[in-house]
Amino acid sequence: MTDDGAGLFDEPLGHVLVVAPYRRDSSYISQLLGEQQIDVSIVDDASLAQHLDWSTSVLVATHEALSDHVIETVAQHLEDQPAWSEMPIVVLLDRASPSDRIRGALGVSWPRSRLLFYQRPVSAIELLSGIQSALLMRSRQREVGNYVEREVELRRELNHRVKNILASVTSIFQMTMRGSESIDELKSDFSGRLRALTEVHGAVFEAATKPVPISEIVELTFAPYRVEKSDRIILKGPEIMLTHEAATTLALCLHELATNAIKYGALSVPDGEVRFDWNIAGDNVIMRWEESSGPPVRKPEKSGYGTGYIKSALSSLFGVPPKIEFQSEGLRLEITGPVDRIRRN
């Protein structure tokens, strides 16, 4: 039996759940799949619901296992599965069983499944081939599911970015309008600030082929929000040549922080101030963001997309999470991590 199916797949394909009341059936299936390095779990009627989850790639059920409880449990699981999923189910029927009636009934009860029927006795190679094909089918489904989920996440992120850019443009226009004495001056200043807003994106893309100074990323990010003869945005720190990943991550995180300050924080009022500084201490770099003289700050009941992105991005970049505090006088963020994780040699 092993020789018939050996060598078809070198790696484990997934998890197979088997419901077979008769020990001989469950032992046979377990041994057959185990010889091909396929992960198998044998469950009974009562424990099926506890084991049937998204780690299950294929369900194998014998004719005797098709009780009302099993049919209802599987039906509920199929109903709750994501749109991309059609779980493969292998059903082993007796030759004397009313096959057509069972096929029709299961097709109605389990409409969102891929049903594969075999009549016993079935050869080892035939059953193994069918289960392996079902595992590959499930693998393809998961690839589609991952692609769909990634597309949804990208669309959500794009929507968030567009909203932030529009908020930035609106804020830039309002800031420019307050400081302009004529239409010509407004037009000139506003156009210049919009150009500055695009330059940081260009600098980040160029980081793929050459190192980018941290001072350039920082200055370009905040250039659109600076007001002439005003020091409300304070930037300070030693020069560090950033890797592409670090330049991109830092630019996006600073843009998130600036946008939040524009919407709700220190940059939403004329007298508010923002300070971003960085320092190298031994093998570590310390970065701090501080807002002051803005509206009173309260910790939000639920973390927003921007805050979630900043935590995730900085944690991935430095290997440690940032410390974020919603103090009444303004937002505070601090992170300390190995400088070699961001520095391009």
Protein backbone atom coordinates (compact mmCIF):
# COMPACT_ATOMS: atom_id res chain seq x y z
CA MET A 1 0.00 0.00 0.00
CA THR A 2 2.83 2.38 0.80
CA ASP A 3 4.58 1.76 -2.49
CA ASP A 4 1.39 2.55 -4.40
CA GLY A 5 1.21 6.10 -3.09
CA ALA A 6 4.72 6.93 -1.89
CA GLY A 7 6.56 9.85 -3.39
CA LEU A 8 3.52 11.84 -4.54
CA PHE A 9 4.18 14.57 -1.99
CA ASP A 10 7.30 15.15 0.09
CA GLU A 11 5.80 17.70 2.52
CA PRO A 12 2.79 17.47 4.86
CA LEU A 13 -0.25 18.75 2.99
CA GLY A 14 -2.59 19.68 5.83
CA HIS A 15 -4.83 18.39 8.56
CA VAL A 16 -7.39 15.65 7.91
CA LEU A 17 -10.25 15.08 10.35
CA VAL A 18 -11.75 11.58 10.35
CA VAL A 19 -15.16 10.62 11.74
CA ALA A 20 -15.48 6.83 11.69
CA PRO A 21 -17.37 4.98 14.46
CA TYR A 22 -15.76 1.63 13.69
CA ARG A 23 -12.21 1.37 14.98
CA ARG A 24 -11.09 -0.69 12.00
CA ASP A 25 -12.00 2.11 9.60
CA SER A 26 -10.35 4.86 11.65
CA SER A 27 -7.16 2.84 12.18
CA TYR A 28 -6.92 2.00 8.49
CA ILE A 29 -7.36 5.62 7.36
CA SER A 30 -5.00 6.92 10.03
CA GLN A 31 -2.27 4.47 9.02
CA LEU A 32 -2.78 5.11 5.30
CA LEU A 33 -2.45 8.88 5.63
CA GLY A 34 0.22 8.75 8.31
CA GLU A 35 2.52 6.83 5.98
CA GLN A 36 2.30 9.81 3.63
CA GLN A 37 3.11 12.29 6.43
CA ILE A 38 -0.41 13.69 6.42
CA ASP A 39 -1.61 14.96 9.80
CA VAL A 40 -4.69 13.00 10.96
CA SER A 41 -7.10 13.36 13.89
CA ILE A 42 -9.73 10.74 14.72
CA VAL A 43 -12.83 12.15 16.40
CA ASP A 44 -16.23 10.83 17.37
CA ASP A 45 -19.73 12.22 17.03
CA ALA A 46 -19.63 14.08 20.36
CA SER A 47 -16.22 15.77 19.90
CA LEU A 48 -16.54 16.72 16.23
CA ALA A 49 -17.62 20.32 16.91
CA GLN A 50 -14.59 20.90 19.17
CA HIS A 51 -12.12 19.80 16.50
CA LEU A 52 -13.77 21.15 13.34
CA ASP A 53 -12.07 24.49 12.74
CA TRP A 54 -10.11 26.37 10.05
CA SER A 55 -7.05 24.17 10.56
CA THR A 56 -9.10 21.30 9.11
CA SER A 57 -8.19 20.85 5.46
CA VAL A 58 -10.31 17.80 4.65
CA LEU A 59 -13.07 15.95 6.48
CA VAL A 60 -13.39 12.17 5.98
CA ALA A 61 -16.64 10.56 7.13
CA THR A 62 -17.77 6.95 6.84
CA HIS A 63 -21.36 6.01 6.07
CA GLU A 64 -21.95 4.97 9.69
CA ALA A 65 -20.83 8.40 10.96
CA LEU A 66 -23.58 10.31 9.14
CA SER A 67 -25.85 10.88 12.13
CA ASP A 68 -28.19 13.86 12.36
CA HIS A 69 -25.82 15.47 14.85
CA VAL A 70 -22.79 15.11 12.57
CA ILE A 71 -24.71 16.44 9.56
CA GLU A 72 -25.94 19.47 11.54
CA THR A 73 -22.49 20.16 13.04
CA VAL A 74 -20.79 20.11 9.64
CA ALA A 75 -23.60 22.18 8.10
CA GLN A 76 -23.11 24.90 10.74
CA HIS A 77 -19.36 24.94 10.15
CA LEU A 78 -19.86 25.27 6.40
CA GLU A 79 -22.34 28.09 6.89
CA ASP A 80 -19.80 30.01 9.00
CA GLN A 81 -16.88 29.56 6.58
CA PRO A 82 -15.59 32.55 4.59
CA ALA A 83 -16.87 33.21 1.08
CA TRP A 84 -13.75 31.78 -0.63
CA SER A 85 -14.02 28.44 1.18
CA GLU A 86 -15.58 25.20 -0.05
CA MET A 87 -14.40 22.55 2.37
CA PRO A 88 -13.59 19.15 0.76
CA ILE A 89 -15.48 16.25 2.38
CA VAL A 90 -14.71 12.63 1.53
CA VAL A 91 -17.60 10.24 2.23
CA LEU A 92 -17.10 6.46 2.28
CA LEU A 93 -20.34 4.62 1.44
CA ASP A 94 -21.30 0.95 1.60
CA ARG A 95 -22.09 -0.75 -1.69
CA ALA A 96 -25.52 -1.72 -0.36
CA SER A 97 -26.37 1.82 0.77
CA PRO A 98 -28.85 4.03 -1.14
CA SER A 99 -26.03 6.06 -2.67
CA ASP A 100 -28.13 8.37 -4.83
CA ARG A 101 -30.37 9.34 -1.92
CA ILE A 102 -27.39 9.97 0.40
CA ARG A 103 -25.60 12.03 -2.25
CA GLY A 104 -28.68 14.14 -2.83
CA ALA A 105 -29.36 14.65 0.89
CA LEU A 106 -25.76 15.67 1.66
CA GLY A 107 -25.72 17.97 -1.35
CA VAL A 108 -28.68 19.80 0.18
CA SER A 109 -27.34 19.77 3.77
CA TRP A 110 -23.77 20.69 2.81
CA PRO A 111 -24.16 22.98 -0.22
CA ARG A 112 -20.89 24.86 0.38
CA SER A 113 -18.63 21.84 0.29
CA ARG A 114 -16.70 19.81 -2.28
CA LEU A 115 -18.14 16.31 -1.86
CA LEU A 116 -16.15 13.27 -2.96
CA PHE A 117 -17.90 9.89 -2.66
CA TYR A 118 -16.26 6.46 -2.62
CA GLN A 119 -17.93 3.07 -2.34
CA ARG A 120 -16.29 0.49 -0.11
CA PRO A 121 -14.22 -1.49 -0.54
CA VAL A 122 -11.96 1.16 -2.03
CA SER A 123 -8.31 0.60 -2.91
CA ALA A 124 -5.64 2.34 -0.88
CA ILE A 125 -4.23 4.18 -3.88
CA GLU A 126 -7.66 5.42 -4.97
CA LEU A 127 -8.57 6.73 -1.51
CA LEU A 128 -5.13 8.24 -0.95
CA SER A 129 -5.16 9.93 -4.34
CA GLY A 130 -8.61 11.40 -3.67
CA ILE A 131 -7.62 12.77 -0.25
CA GLN A 132 -4.35 14.20 -1.58
CA SER A 133 -6.24 15.90 -4.41
CA ALA A 134 -8.67 17.31 -1.85
CA LEU A 135 -5.75 18.61 0.22
CA LEU A 136 -4.28 20.35 -2.82
CA MET A 137 -7.72 21.79 -3.59
CA ARG A 138 -7.90 23.14 -0.05
CA SER A 139 -4.41 24.60 -0.36
CA ARG A 140 -5.46 26.49 -3.49
CA GLN A 141 -8.56 27.76 -1.70
CA ARG A 142 -6.44 29.08 1.15
CA GLU A 143 -4.14 30.84 -1.33
CA VAL A 144 -7.19 32.52 -2.86
CA GLY A 145 -8.46 33.40 0.63
CA ASN A 146 -5.12 34.92 1.61
CA TYR A 147 -5.09 36.90 -1.63
CA VAL A 148 -8.62 38.18 -1.03
CA GLU A 149 -7.84 39.14 2.57
CA ARG A 150 -4.67 40.92 1.46
CA GLU A 151 -6.62 42.80 -1.22
CA VAL A 152 -9.19 43.89 1.37
CA GLU A 153 -6.42 45.03 3.71
CA LEU A 154 -4.68 46.94 0.91
CA ARG A 155 -7.92 48.66 -0.04
CA ARG A 156 -8.54 49.57 3.60
CA GLU A 157 -5.00 50.92 3.90
CA LEU A 158 -5.33 52.84 0.63
CA ASN A 159 -8.60 54.36 1.79
CA HIS A 160 -6.95 55.40 5.05
CA ARG A 161 -3.97 56.91 3.24
CA VAL A 162 -6.17 58.86 0.83
CA LYS A 163 -8.23 60.26 3.72
CA ASN A 164 -5.04 61.30 5.50
CA ILE A 165 -3.67 63.00 2.40
CA LEU A 166 -6.95 64.87 1.90
CA ALA A 167 -6.90 65.91 5.56
CA SER A 168 -3.33 67.12 5.12
CA VAL A 169 -4.21 69.10 1.99
CA THR A 170 -7.18 70.69 3.76
CA SER A 171 -5.03 71.63 6.73
CA ILE A 172 -2.27 73.00 4.51
CA PHE A 173 -4.80 75.16 2.68
CA GLN A 174 -6.24 76.53 5.93
CA MET A 175 -2.78 77.23 7.35
CA THR A 176 -1.69 78.95 4.14
CA MET A 177 -4.90 80.96 3.89
CA ARG A 178 -4.47 82.33 7.42
CA GLY A 179 -0.97 83.58 6.62
CA SER A 180 -1.64 84.94 3.11
CA GLU A 181 -2.45 88.57 2.35
CA SER A 182 -3.43 88.14 -1.31
CA ILE A 183 -4.77 85.56 -3.74
CA ASP A 184 -1.44 85.43 -5.55
CA GLU A 185 0.42 84.82 -2.31
CA LEU A 186 -2.08 82.11 -1.32
CA LYS A 187 -1.72 80.39 -4.69
CA SER A 188 2.06 80.50 -4.61
CA ASP A 189 2.42 79.29 -1.01
CA PHE A 190 -0.22 76.59 -1.36
CA SER A 191 1.37 75.18 -4.54
CA GLY A 192 4.77 75.12 -2.84
CA ARG A 193 3.42 73.23 0.15
CA LEU A 194 1.74 70.65 -2.06
CA ARG A 195 5.01 70.09 -3.89
CA ALA A 196 6.72 69.58 -0.55
CA LEU A 197 4.09 67.01 0.38
CA THR A 198 4.98 64.92 -2.69
CA GLU A 199 8.75 65.17 -2.24
CA VAL A 200 8.85 62.88 0.77
CA HIS A 201 7.23 60.11 -1.28
CA GLY A 202 9.87 60.56 -3.96
CA ALA A 203 12.63 60.38 -1.37
CA VAL A 204 11.22 57.15 0.02
CA PHE A 205 11.08 55.52 -3.41
CA GLU A 206 14.67 56.58 -4.10
CA ALA A 207 15.68 54.84 -0.88
CA ALA A 208 15.39 51.54 -2.74
CA THR A 209 18.59 52.31 -4.64
CA LYS A 210 20.52 54.57 -2.28
CA PRO A 211 20.69 55.38 1.44
CA VAL A 212 18.52 58.25 2.64
CA PRO A 213 19.53 60.62 5.47
CA ILE A 214 17.06 60.67 8.34
CA SER A 215 17.20 64.48 8.29
CA GLU A 216 15.91 64.48 4.70
CA ILE A 217 12.96 62.22 5.54
CA VAL A 218 12.09 64.28 8.62
CA GLU A 219 12.43 67.66 6.94
CA LEU A 220 10.44 66.64 3.86
CA THR A 221 7.66 65.10 5.96
CA PHE A 222 7.10 68.29 7.95
CA ALA A 223 7.91 70.88 5.28
CA PRO A 224 4.24 71.32 4.19
CA TYR A 225 3.19 72.17 7.76
CA ARG A 226 5.84 74.73 8.55
CA VAL A 227 4.79 78.36 8.78
CA GLU A 228 7.30 81.09 8.01
CA LYS A 229 8.89 82.72 11.09
CA SER A 230 7.44 79.98 13.30
CA ASP A 231 9.25 77.27 15.23
CA ARG A 232 6.16 75.26 16.21
CA ILE A 233 7.72 72.12 14.67
CA ILE A 234 11.07 71.30 16.30
CA LEU A 235 13.25 68.57 14.75
CA LYS A 236 16.58 67.57 16.22
CA GLY A 237 19.00 64.66 16.06
CA PRO A 238 22.26 63.33 14.59
CA GLU A 239 22.51 62.19 10.98
CA ILE A 240 21.71 58.53 10.29
CA MET A 241 21.75 56.95 6.84
CA LEU A 242 18.58 54.86 6.70
CA THR A 243 17.84 51.60 4.94
CA HIS A 244 14.96 51.53 2.45
CA GLU A 245 12.68 49.75 4.94
CA ALA A 246 13.54 52.16 7.75
CA ALA A 247 13.09 55.25 5.54
CA THR A 248 9.70 54.03 4.31
CA THR A 249 8.45 53.01 7.76
CA LEU A 250 9.65 56.17 9.47
CA ALA A 251 8.16 58.44 6.78
CA LEU A 252 4.77 56.70 6.99
CA CYS A 253 4.74 56.73 10.81
CA LEU A 254 5.70 60.42 10.97
CA HIS A 255 3.01 61.17 8.39
CA GLU A 256 0.47 59.33 10.59
CA LEU A 257 1.58 61.29 13.65
CA ALA A 258 1.49 64.60 11.77
CA THR A 259 -1.96 63.86 10.37
CA ASN A 260 -3.24 62.98 13.83
CA ALA A 261 -1.74 66.21 15.19
CA ILE A 262 -3.46 68.15 12.37
CA LYS A 263 -6.85 66.55 13.02
CA TYR A 264 -6.91 66.42 16.81
CA GLY A 265 -3.60 67.48 18.34
CA ALA A 266 -1.10 70.29 18.58
CA LEU A 267 -1.12 71.23 14.88
CA SER A 268 -4.90 71.71 14.92
CA VAL A 269 -4.48 75.05 16.75
CA PRO A 270 -2.24 78.04 15.90
CA ASP A 271 -0.16 77.89 19.10
CA GLY A 272 0.40 74.13 19.26
CA GLU A 273 3.92 72.71 19.07
CA VAL A 274 5.41 69.39 17.99
CA ARG A 275 8.88 68.15 18.85
CA PHE A 276 10.49 65.13 17.23
CA ASP A 277 14.02 64.24 18.28
CA TRP A 278 16.28 61.24 18.01
CA ASN A 279 19.56 60.30 19.64
CA ILE A 280 22.07 57.46 19.60
CA ALA A 281 23.01 55.95 22.97
CA GLY A 282 25.53 53.14 22.62
CA ASP A 283 24.06 50.57 20.25
CA ASN A 284 20.54 51.98 20.49
CA VAL A 285 18.63 54.81 18.87
CA ILE A 286 16.02 56.67 20.92
CA MET A 287 13.18 58.46 19.13
CA ARG A 288 10.65 60.75 20.84
CA TRP A 289 7.53 62.53 19.63
CA GLU A 290 6.00 65.17 21.92
CA GLU A 291 3.03 67.49 21.39
CA SER A 292 2.28 70.50 23.57
CA SER A 293 0.01 73.57 23.78
CA GLY A 294 -2.70 71.80 21.82
CA PRO A 295 -6.26 70.80 22.78
CA PRO A 296 -6.65 68.59 25.88
CA VAL A 297 -5.92 64.96 24.95
CA ARG A 298 -7.88 61.93 26.08
CA LYS A 299 -7.00 58.30 25.47
CA PRO A 300 -9.40 56.96 22.81
CA GLU A 301 -11.72 54.13 23.82
CA LYS A 302 -10.66 52.16 20.74
CA SER A 303 -7.34 52.23 18.91
CA GLY A 304 -7.70 53.63 15.39
CA TYR A 305 -6.10 52.37 12.19
CA GLY A 306 -3.32 54.96 12.32
CA THR A 307 -2.30 54.15 15.90
CA GLY A 308 -2.47 50.44 15.12
CA TYR A 309 -0.25 50.91 12.08
CA ILE A 310 2.33 52.93 14.03
CA LYS A 311 2.54 50.29 16.78
CA SER A 312 2.81 47.43 14.30
CA ALA A 313 5.26 49.16 11.94
CA LEU A 314 7.65 50.40 14.64
CA SER A 315 7.50 47.07 16.50
CA SER A 316 8.46 45.26 13.30
CA LEU A 317 11.22 47.75 12.48
CA PHE A 318 12.89 47.88 15.91
CA GLY A 319 11.89 44.51 17.36
CA VAL A 320 10.25 46.21 20.36
CA PRO A 321 6.92 48.07 20.68
CA PRO A 322 6.78 51.86 21.07
CA LYS A 323 5.54 53.48 24.25
CA ILE A 324 2.52 55.69 23.49
CA GLU A 325 0.95 57.95 26.12
CA PHE A 326 -2.14 60.12 25.72
CA GLN A 327 -1.20 62.77 28.28
CA SER A 328 -3.54 65.72 28.82
CA GLU A 329 -0.97 68.21 27.50
CA GLY A 330 -0.34 66.22 24.33
CA LEU A 331 0.48 62.90 22.71
CA ARG A 332 3.80 61.28 23.63
CA LEU A 333 5.58 58.49 21.78
CA GLU A 334 8.97 56.98 22.54
CA ILE A 335 10.82 53.98 21.17
CA THR A 336 14.29 52.62 21.87
CA GLY A 337 15.82 49.95 19.65
CA PRO A 338 19.06 48.78 18.03
CA VAL A 339 20.34 51.43 15.64
CA ASP A 340 21.70 48.72 13.34
CA ARG A 341 18.12 47.75 12.50
CA ILE A 342 17.59 51.08 10.71
CA ARG A 343 21.09 52.16 9.69
CA ARG A 344 22.43 51.44 6.21
CA ASN A 345 26.14 50.71 6.26
